[in-house]
């Protein structure tokens, strides 16, 4: 899946929520990709990250193929994740 045929389905900073969504998409056989973004600029577990809330350092972006977008939205709404 390349950037031209995918749509963003969810963005979160909650690793548990990311796990729930990816598990549901797997269960429904919906292919997805994801990327992560470090919002703090510091690497987790280093001296620069002291005092930062580690739960708010990584942002997770989840993408599905354009043709699966409606189904993925329906599945996530049905599981009360939207």
PDB file of N, CA and C in Angstrom:
ATOM      1  N   UNK A   1       0.853  -1.171   0.000  1.00  0.00           N
ATOM      2  CA  UNK A   1       0.000   0.000   0.000  1.00  0.00           C
ATOM      3  C   UNK A   1       0.903   1.240   0.000  1.00  0.00           C
ATOM      4  N   UNK A   2       0.693   2.093  -0.976  1.00  0.00           N
ATOM      5  CA  UNK A   2       1.503   3.307  -1.019  1.00  0.00           C
ATOM      6  C   UNK A   2       0.680   4.509  -0.555  1.00  0.00           C
ATOM      7  N   UNK A   3       1.303   5.645  -0.458  1.00  0.00           N
ATOM      8  CA  UNK A   3       0.632   6.822   0.105  1.00  0.00           C
ATOM      9  C   UNK A   3      -0.509   7.332  -0.770  1.00  0.00           C
ATOM     10  N   UNK A   4      -0.562   6.913  -2.025  1.00  0.00           N
ATOM     11  CA  UNK A   4      -1.605   7.404  -2.923  1.00  0.00           C
ATOM     12  C   UNK A   4      -2.887   6.582  -2.862  1.00  0.00           C
ATOM     13  N   UNK A   5      -2.826   5.366  -2.328  1.00  0.00           N
ATOM     14  CA  UNK A   5      -4.040   4.551  -2.275  1.00  0.00           C
ATOM     15  C   UNK A   5      -4.422   4.180  -0.844  1.00  0.00           C
ATOM     16  N   UNK A   6      -4.013   4.976   0.119  1.00  0.00           N
ATOM     17  CA  UNK A   6      -4.371   4.719   1.509  1.00  0.00           C
ATOM     18  C   UNK A   6      -5.058   5.943   2.115  1.00  0.00           C
ATOM     19  N   UNK A   7      -5.813   5.677   3.186  1.00  0.00           N
ATOM     20  CA  UNK A   7      -6.478   6.755   3.913  1.00  0.00           C
ATOM     21  C   UNK A   7      -6.197   6.572   5.397  1.00  0.00           C
ATOM     22  N   UNK A   8      -6.023   7.678   6.068  1.00  0.00           N
ATOM     23  CA  UNK A   8      -5.798   7.647   7.511  1.00  0.00           C
ATOM     24  C   UNK A   8      -7.115   7.289   8.199  1.00  0.00           C
ATOM     25  N   UNK A   9      -7.060   6.280   9.053  1.00  0.00           N
ATOM     26  CA  UNK A   9      -8.267   5.836   9.740  1.00  0.00           C
ATOM     27  C   UNK A   9      -8.267   6.258  11.211  1.00  0.00           C
ATOM     28  N   UNK A  10      -7.087   6.420  11.799  1.00  0.00           N
ATOM     29  CA  UNK A  10      -7.035   6.742  13.227  1.00  0.00           C
ATOM     30  C   UNK A  10      -5.665   7.305  13.591  1.00  0.00           C
ATOM     31  N   UNK A  11      -5.666   8.231  14.530  1.00  0.00           N
ATOM     32  CA  UNK A  11      -4.430   8.777  15.095  1.00  0.00           C
ATOM     33  C   UNK A  11      -4.592   8.769  16.605  1.00  0.00           C
ATOM     34  N   UNK A  12      -3.586   8.267  17.310  1.00  0.00           N
ATOM     35  CA  UNK A  12      -3.655   8.219  18.762  1.00  0.00           C
ATOM     36  C   UNK A  12      -2.259   8.286  19.359  1.00  0.00           C
ATOM     37  N   UNK A  13      -2.199   8.671  20.621  1.00  0.00           N
ATOM     38  CA  UNK A  13      -0.952   8.618  21.384  1.00  0.00           C
ATOM     39  C   UNK A  13      -1.030   7.507  22.418  1.00  0.00           C
ATOM     40  N   UNK A  14      -2.119   6.760  22.413  1.00  0.00           N
ATOM     41  CA  UNK A  14      -2.369   5.707  23.385  1.00  0.00           C
ATOM     42  C   UNK A  14      -1.990   4.357  22.785  1.00  0.00           C
ATOM     43  N   UNK A  15      -0.929   3.744  23.305  1.00  0.00           N
ATOM     44  CA  UNK A  15      -0.454   2.469  22.782  1.00  0.00           C
ATOM     45  C   UNK A  15      -1.519   1.384  22.928  1.00  0.00           C
ATOM     46  N   UNK A  16      -2.269   1.410  24.011  1.00  0.00           N
ATOM     47  CA  UNK A  16      -3.323   0.421  24.221  1.00  0.00           C
ATOM     48  C   UNK A  16      -4.410   0.557  23.149  1.00  0.00           C
ATOM     49  N   UNK A  17      -4.812   1.782  22.846  1.00  0.00           N
ATOM     50  CA  UNK A  17      -5.821   2.029  21.806  1.00  0.00           C
ATOM     51  C   UNK A  17      -5.286   1.578  20.453  1.00  0.00           C
ATOM     52  N   UNK A  18      -4.020   1.847  20.173  1.00  0.00           N
ATOM     53  CA  UNK A  18      -3.393   1.395  18.933  1.00  0.00           C
ATOM     54  C   UNK A  18      -3.478  -0.130  18.837  1.00  0.00           C
ATOM     55  N   UNK A  19      -3.195  -0.813  19.938  1.00  0.00           N
ATOM     56  CA  UNK A  19      -3.270  -2.269  19.966  1.00  0.00           C
ATOM     57  C   UNK A  19      -4.681  -2.785  19.731  1.00  0.00           C
ATOM     58  N   UNK A  20      -5.676  -2.125  20.340  1.00  0.00           N
ATOM     59  CA  UNK A  20      -7.072  -2.525  20.148  1.00  0.00           C
ATOM     60  C   UNK A  20      -7.480  -2.391  18.681  1.00  0.00           C
ATOM     61  N   UNK A  21      -7.134  -1.273  18.089  1.00  0.00           N
ATOM     62  CA  UNK A  21      -7.524  -1.018  16.700  1.00  0.00           C
ATOM     63  C   UNK A  21      -6.841  -1.996  15.756  1.00  0.00           C
ATOM     64  N   UNK A  22      -5.543  -2.198  15.931  1.00  0.00           N
ATOM     65  CA  UNK A  22      -4.842  -3.115  15.035  1.00  0.00           C
ATOM     66  C   UNK A  22      -5.354  -4.544  15.207  1.00  0.00           C
ATOM     67  N   UNK A  23      -5.719  -4.922  16.420  1.00  0.00           N
ATOM     68  CA  UNK A  23      -6.268  -6.260  16.672  1.00  0.00           C
ATOM     69  C   UNK A  23      -7.614  -6.442  15.960  1.00  0.00           C
ATOM     70  N   UNK A  24      -8.463  -5.431  16.033  1.00  0.00           N
ATOM     71  CA  UNK A  24      -9.774  -5.504  15.378  1.00  0.00           C
ATOM     72  C   UNK A  24      -9.610  -5.549  13.864  1.00  0.00           C
ATOM     73  N   UNK A  25      -8.722  -4.733  13.325  1.00  0.00           N
ATOM     74  CA  UNK A  25      -8.500  -4.740  11.884  1.00  0.00           C
ATOM     75  C   UNK A  25      -7.950  -6.093  11.429  1.00  0.00           C
ATOM     76  N   UNK A  26      -7.049  -6.679  12.221  1.00  0.00           N
ATOM     77  CA  UNK A  26      -6.532  -8.017  11.912  1.00  0.00           C
ATOM     78  C   UNK A  26      -7.660  -9.048  11.916  1.00  0.00           C
ATOM     79  N   UNK A  27      -8.492  -8.986  12.940  1.00  0.00           N
ATOM     80  CA  UNK A  27      -9.596  -9.947  13.083  1.00  0.00           C
ATOM     81  C   UNK A  27     -10.557  -9.863  11.901  1.00  0.00           C
ATOM     82  N   UNK A  28     -10.767  -8.663  11.380  1.00  0.00           N
ATOM     83  CA  UNK A  28     -11.682  -8.452  10.253  1.00  0.00           C
ATOM     84  C   UNK A  28     -10.982  -8.588   8.896  1.00  0.00           C
ATOM     85  N   UNK A  29      -9.723  -9.002   8.900  1.00  0.00           N
ATOM     86  CA  UNK A  29      -8.929  -9.171   7.673  1.00  0.00           C
ATOM     87  C   UNK A  29      -8.842  -7.889   6.850  1.00  0.00           C
ATOM     88  N   UNK A  30      -8.695  -6.774   7.530  1.00  0.00           N
ATOM     89  CA  UNK A  30      -8.509  -5.488   6.867  1.00  0.00           C
ATOM     90  C   UNK A  30      -7.023  -5.144   6.956  1.00  0.00           C
ATOM     91  N   UNK A  31      -6.377  -5.065   5.813  1.00  0.00           N
ATOM     92  CA  UNK A  31      -4.952  -4.728   5.790  1.00  0.00           C
ATOM     93  C   UNK A  31      -4.765  -3.271   6.194  1.00  0.00           C
ATOM     94  N   UNK A  32      -3.719  -3.027   6.965  1.00  0.00           N
ATOM     95  CA  UNK A  32      -3.427  -1.671   7.411  1.00  0.00           C
ATOM     96  C   UNK A  32      -1.915  -1.492   7.510  1.00  0.00           C
ATOM     97  N   UNK A  33      -1.510  -0.261   7.501  1.00  0.00           N
ATOM     98  CA  UNK A  33      -0.128   0.093   7.788  1.00  0.00           C
ATOM     99  C   UNK A  33      -0.171   1.165   8.858  1.00  0.00           C
ATOM    100  N   UNK A  34       0.972   1.393   9.461  1.00  0.00           N
ATOM    101  CA  UNK A  34       1.026   2.437  10.475  1.00  0.00           C
ATOM    102  C   UNK A  34       2.391   3.091  10.447  1.00  0.00           C
ATOM    103  N   UNK A  35       2.430   4.276  11.002  1.00  0.00           N
ATOM    104  CA  UNK A  35       3.714   4.939  11.197  1.00  0.00           C
ATOM    105  C   UNK A  35       3.673   5.585  12.573  1.00  0.00           C
ATOM    106  N   UNK A  36       4.832   5.812  13.115  1.00  0.00           N
ATOM    107  CA  UNK A  36       4.939   6.447  14.423  1.00  0.00           C
ATOM    108  C   UNK A  36       5.716   7.743  14.273  1.00  0.00           C
ATOM    109  N   UNK A  37       5.423   8.655  15.169  1.00  0.00           N
ATOM    110  CA  UNK A  37       6.094   9.946  15.159  1.00  0.00           C
ATOM    111  C   UNK A  37       6.408  10.321  16.592  1.00  0.00           C
ATOM    112  N   UNK A  38       7.671  10.603  16.880  1.00  0.00           N
ATOM    113  CA  UNK A  38       8.096  11.027  18.209  1.00  0.00           C
ATOM    114  C   UNK A  38       7.840  12.522  18.331  1.00  0.00           C
ATOM    115  N   UNK A  39       6.853  12.882  19.139  1.00  0.00           N
ATOM    116  CA  UNK A  39       6.439  14.279  19.243  1.00  0.00           C
ATOM    117  C   UNK A  39       7.357  15.125  20.112  1.00  0.00           C
ATOM    118  N   UNK A  40       8.181  14.489  20.933  1.00  0.00           N
ATOM    119  CA  UNK A  40       9.016  15.248  21.866  1.00  0.00           C
ATOM    120  C   UNK A  40      10.383  15.609  21.307  1.00  0.00           C
ATOM    121  N   UNK A  41      10.839  14.871  20.320  1.00  0.00           N
ATOM    122  CA  UNK A  41      12.175  15.074  19.802  1.00  0.00           C
ATOM    123  C   UNK A  41      13.234  14.324  20.602  1.00  0.00           C
ATOM    124  N   UNK A  42      12.856  13.796  21.761  1.00  0.00           N
ATOM    125  CA  UNK A  42      13.788  13.026  22.602  1.00  0.00           C
ATOM    126  C   UNK A  42      13.531  11.545  22.403  1.00  0.00           C
ATOM    127  N   UNK A  43      14.587  10.753  22.485  1.00  0.00           N
ATOM    128  CA  UNK A  43      14.437   9.302  22.383  1.00  0.00           C
ATOM    129  C   UNK A  43      13.989   8.756  23.731  1.00  0.00           C
ATOM    130  N   UNK A  44      12.930   7.933  23.759  1.00  0.00           N
ATOM    131  CA  UNK A  44      12.480   7.348  25.024  1.00  0.00           C
ATOM    132  C   UNK A  44      13.605   6.582  25.710  1.00  0.00           C
ATOM    133  N   UNK A  45      13.714   6.754  27.016  1.00  0.00           N
ATOM    134  CA  UNK A  45      14.732   6.046  27.783  1.00  0.00           C
ATOM    135  C   UNK A  45      16.091   6.722  27.808  1.00  0.00           C
ATOM    136  N   UNK A  46      16.204   7.936  27.279  1.00  0.00           N
ATOM    137  CA  UNK A  46      17.471   8.653  27.297  1.00  0.00           C
ATOM    138  C   UNK A  46      17.393   9.809  28.285  1.00  0.00           C
ATOM    139  N   UNK A  47      18.511  10.422  28.530  1.00  0.00           N
ATOM    140  CA  UNK A  47      18.583  11.534  29.478  1.00  0.00           C
ATOM    141  C   UNK A  47      17.690  12.698  29.045  1.00  0.00           C
ATOM    142  N   UNK A  48      17.524  12.896  27.736  1.00  0.00           N
ATOM    143  CA  UNK A  48      16.687  13.992  27.250  1.00  0.00           C
ATOM    144  C   UNK A  48      15.211  13.784  27.571  1.00  0.00           C
ATOM    145  N   UNK A  49      14.816  12.534  27.830  1.00  0.00           N
ATOM    146  CA  UNK A  49      13.405  12.251  28.061  1.00  0.00           C
ATOM    147  C   UNK A  49      13.022  12.313  29.541  1.00  0.00           C
ATOM    148  N   UNK A  50      13.970  12.623  30.420  1.00  0.00           N
ATOM    149  CA  UNK A  50      13.660  12.724  31.847  1.00  0.00           C
ATOM    150  C   UNK A  50      12.651  13.855  32.065  1.00  0.00           C
ATOM    151  N   UNK A  51      11.596  13.546  32.787  1.00  0.00           N
ATOM    152  CA  UNK A  51      10.561  14.529  33.074  1.00  0.00           C
ATOM    153  C   UNK A  51       9.456  14.586  32.044  1.00  0.00           C
ATOM    154  N   UNK A  52       9.625  13.897  30.921  1.00  0.00           N
ATOM    155  CA  UNK A  52       8.580  13.878  29.892  1.00  0.00           C
ATOM    156  C   UNK A  52       7.648  12.696  30.145  1.00  0.00           C
ATOM    157  N   UNK A  53       6.388  12.881  29.871  1.00  0.00           N
ATOM    158  CA  UNK A  53       5.419  11.806  30.005  1.00  0.00           C
ATOM    159  C   UNK A  53       5.586  10.862  28.820  1.00  0.00           C
ATOM    160  N   UNK A  54       6.055   9.655  29.083  1.00  0.00           N
ATOM    161  CA  UNK A  54       6.338   8.712  28.001  1.00  0.00           C
ATOM    162  C   UNK A  54       5.070   8.305  27.248  1.00  0.00           C
ATOM    163  N   UNK A  55       3.902   8.451  27.864  1.00  0.00           N
ATOM    164  CA  UNK A  55       2.660   8.100  27.187  1.00  0.00           C
ATOM    165  C   UNK A  55       2.272   9.132  26.133  1.00  0.00           C
ATOM    166  N   UNK A  56       2.911  10.281  26.157  1.00  0.00           N
ATOM    167  CA  UNK A  56       2.585  11.348  25.198  1.00  0.00           C
ATOM    168  C   UNK A  56       3.738  11.647  24.254  1.00  0.00           C
ATOM    169  N   UNK A  57       4.684  10.733  24.145  1.00  0.00           N
ATOM    170  CA  UNK A  57       5.840  10.983  23.290  1.00  0.00           C
ATOM    171  C   UNK A  57       5.666  10.431  21.869  1.00  0.00           C
ATOM    172  N   UNK A  58       4.904   9.347  21.729  1.00  0.00           N
ATOM    173  CA  UNK A  58       4.778   8.687  20.432  1.00  0.00           C
ATOM    174  C   UNK A  58       3.352   8.824  19.922  1.00  0.00           C
ATOM    175  N   UNK A  59       3.229   9.270  18.681  1.00  0.00           N
ATOM    176  CA  UNK A  59       1.932   9.377  18.033  1.00  0.00           C
ATOM    177  C   UNK A  59       1.850   8.279  16.976  1.00  0.00           C
ATOM    178  N   UNK A  60       0.747   7.541  16.974  1.00  0.00           N
ATOM    179  CA  UNK A  60       0.544   6.423  16.066  1.00  0.00           C
ATOM    180  C   UNK A  60      -0.481   6.806  14.999  1.00  0.00           C
ATOM    181  N   UNK A  61      -0.112   6.646  13.742  1.00  0.00           N
ATOM    182  CA  UNK A  61      -1.002   6.900  12.611  1.00  0.00           C
ATOM    183  C   UNK A  61      -1.325   5.545  11.980  1.00  0.00           C
ATOM    184  N   UNK A  62      -2.619   5.269  11.779  1.00  0.00           N
ATOM    185  CA  UNK A  62      -3.043   4.002  11.192  1.00  0.00           C
ATOM    186  C   UNK A  62      -3.734   4.300   9.861  1.00  0.00           C
ATOM    187  N   UNK A  63      -3.328   3.561   8.825  1.00  0.00           N
ATOM    188  CA  UNK A  63      -3.855   3.752   7.479  1.00  0.00           C
ATOM    189  C   UNK A  63      -4.439   2.451   6.948  1.00  0.00           C
ATOM    190  N   UNK A  64      -5.503   2.567   6.150  1.00  0.00           N
ATOM    191  CA  UNK A  64      -6.073   1.427   5.445  1.00  0.00           C
ATOM    192  C   UNK A  64      -6.151   1.782   3.963  1.00  0.00           C
ATOM    193  N   UNK A  65      -6.298   0.759   3.151  1.00  0.00           N
ATOM    194  CA  UNK A  65      -6.465   0.983   1.715  1.00  0.00           C
ATOM    195  C   UNK A  65      -7.780   1.734   1.493  1.00  0.00           C
ATOM    196  N   UNK A  66      -7.790   2.596   0.495  1.00  0.00           N
ATOM    197  CA  UNK A  66      -8.990   3.399   0.205  1.00  0.00           C
ATOM    198  C   UNK A  66     -10.239   2.539   0.036  1.00  0.00           C
ATOM    199  N   UNK A  67     -10.083   1.378  -0.606  1.00  0.00           N
ATOM    200  CA  UNK A  67     -11.248   0.524  -0.851  1.00  0.00           C
ATOM    201  C   UNK A  67     -11.772  -0.111   0.445  1.00  0.00           C
ATOM    202  N   UNK A  68     -10.952  -0.174   1.493  1.00  0.00           N
ATOM    203  CA  UNK A  68     -11.358  -0.761   2.773  1.00  0.00           C
ATOM    204  C   UNK A  68     -11.765   0.285   3.803  1.00  0.00           C
ATOM    205  N   UNK A  69     -11.696   1.554   3.442  1.00  0.00           N
ATOM    206  CA  UNK A  69     -11.925   2.624   4.408  1.00  0.00           C
ATOM    207  C   UNK A  69     -13.321   2.574   5.030  1.00  0.00           C
ATOM    208  N   UNK A  70     -14.360   2.439   4.213  1.00  0.00           N
ATOM    209  CA  UNK A  70     -15.727   2.411   4.744  1.00  0.00           C
ATOM    210  C   UNK A  70     -15.945   1.219   5.670  1.00  0.00           C
ATOM    211  N   UNK A  71     -15.453   0.057   5.264  1.00  0.00           N
ATOM    212  CA  UNK A  71     -15.598  -1.134   6.104  1.00  0.00           C
ATOM    213  C   UNK A  71     -14.857  -0.937   7.432  1.00  0.00           C
ATOM    214  N   UNK A  72     -13.654  -0.394   7.376  1.00  0.00           N
ATOM    215  CA  UNK A  72     -12.871  -0.170   8.591  1.00  0.00           C
ATOM    216  C   UNK A  72     -13.575   0.814   9.523  1.00  0.00           C
ATOM    217  N   UNK A  73     -14.144   1.880   8.968  1.00  0.00           N
ATOM    218  CA  UNK A  73     -14.893   2.838   9.792  1.00  0.00           C
ATOM    219  C   UNK A  73     -16.075   2.156  10.467  1.00  0.00           C
ATOM    220  N   UNK A  74     -16.798   1.359   9.700  1.00  0.00           N
ATOM    221  CA  UNK A  74     -17.962   0.667  10.234  1.00  0.00           C
ATOM    222  C   UNK A  74     -17.553  -0.282  11.360  1.00  0.00           C
ATOM    223  N   UNK A  75     -16.489  -1.050  11.157  1.00  0.00           N
ATOM    224  CA  UNK A  75     -16.023  -2.006  12.158  1.00  0.00           C
ATOM    225  C   UNK A  75     -15.581  -1.287  13.429  1.00  0.00           C
ATOM    226  N   UNK A  76     -14.845  -0.198  13.291  1.00  0.00           N
ATOM    227  CA  UNK A  76     -14.374   0.525  14.477  1.00  0.00           C
ATOM    228  C   UNK A  76     -15.522   1.209  15.208  1.00  0.00           C
ATOM    229  N   UNK A  77     -16.494   1.724  14.470  1.00  0.00           N
ATOM    230  CA  UNK A  77     -17.693   2.297  15.125  1.00  0.00           C
ATOM    231  C   UNK A  77     -18.482   1.216  15.838  1.00  0.00           C
ATOM    232  N   UNK A  78     -18.610   0.073  15.211  1.00  0.00           N
ATOM    233  CA  UNK A  78     -19.354  -1.043  15.803  1.00  0.00           C
ATOM    234  C   UNK A  78     -18.700  -1.498  17.111  1.00  0.00           C
ATOM    235  N   UNK A  79     -17.378  -1.366  17.208  1.00  0.00           N
ATOM    236  CA  UNK A  79     -16.642  -1.735  18.431  1.00  0.00           C
ATOM    237  C   UNK A  79     -16.472  -0.542  19.366  1.00  0.00           C
ATOM    238  N   UNK A  80     -17.161   0.547  19.064  1.00  0.00           N
ATOM    239  CA  UNK A  80     -17.180   1.765  19.876  1.00  0.00           C
ATOM    240  C   UNK A  80     -15.783   2.373  20.086  1.00  0.00           C
ATOM    241  N   UNK A  81     -14.995   2.333  19.022  1.00  0.00           N
ATOM    242  CA  UNK A  81     -13.657   2.940  19.064  1.00  0.00           C
ATOM    243  C   UNK A  81     -13.636   4.301  18.372  1.00  0.00           C
ATOM    244  N   UNK A  82     -14.748   4.699  17.777  1.00  0.00           N
ATOM    245  CA  UNK A  82     -14.880   6.032  17.180  1.00  0.00           C
ATOM    246  C   UNK A  82     -15.795   6.825  18.049  1.00  0.00           C
TER     247      UNK A  82
END
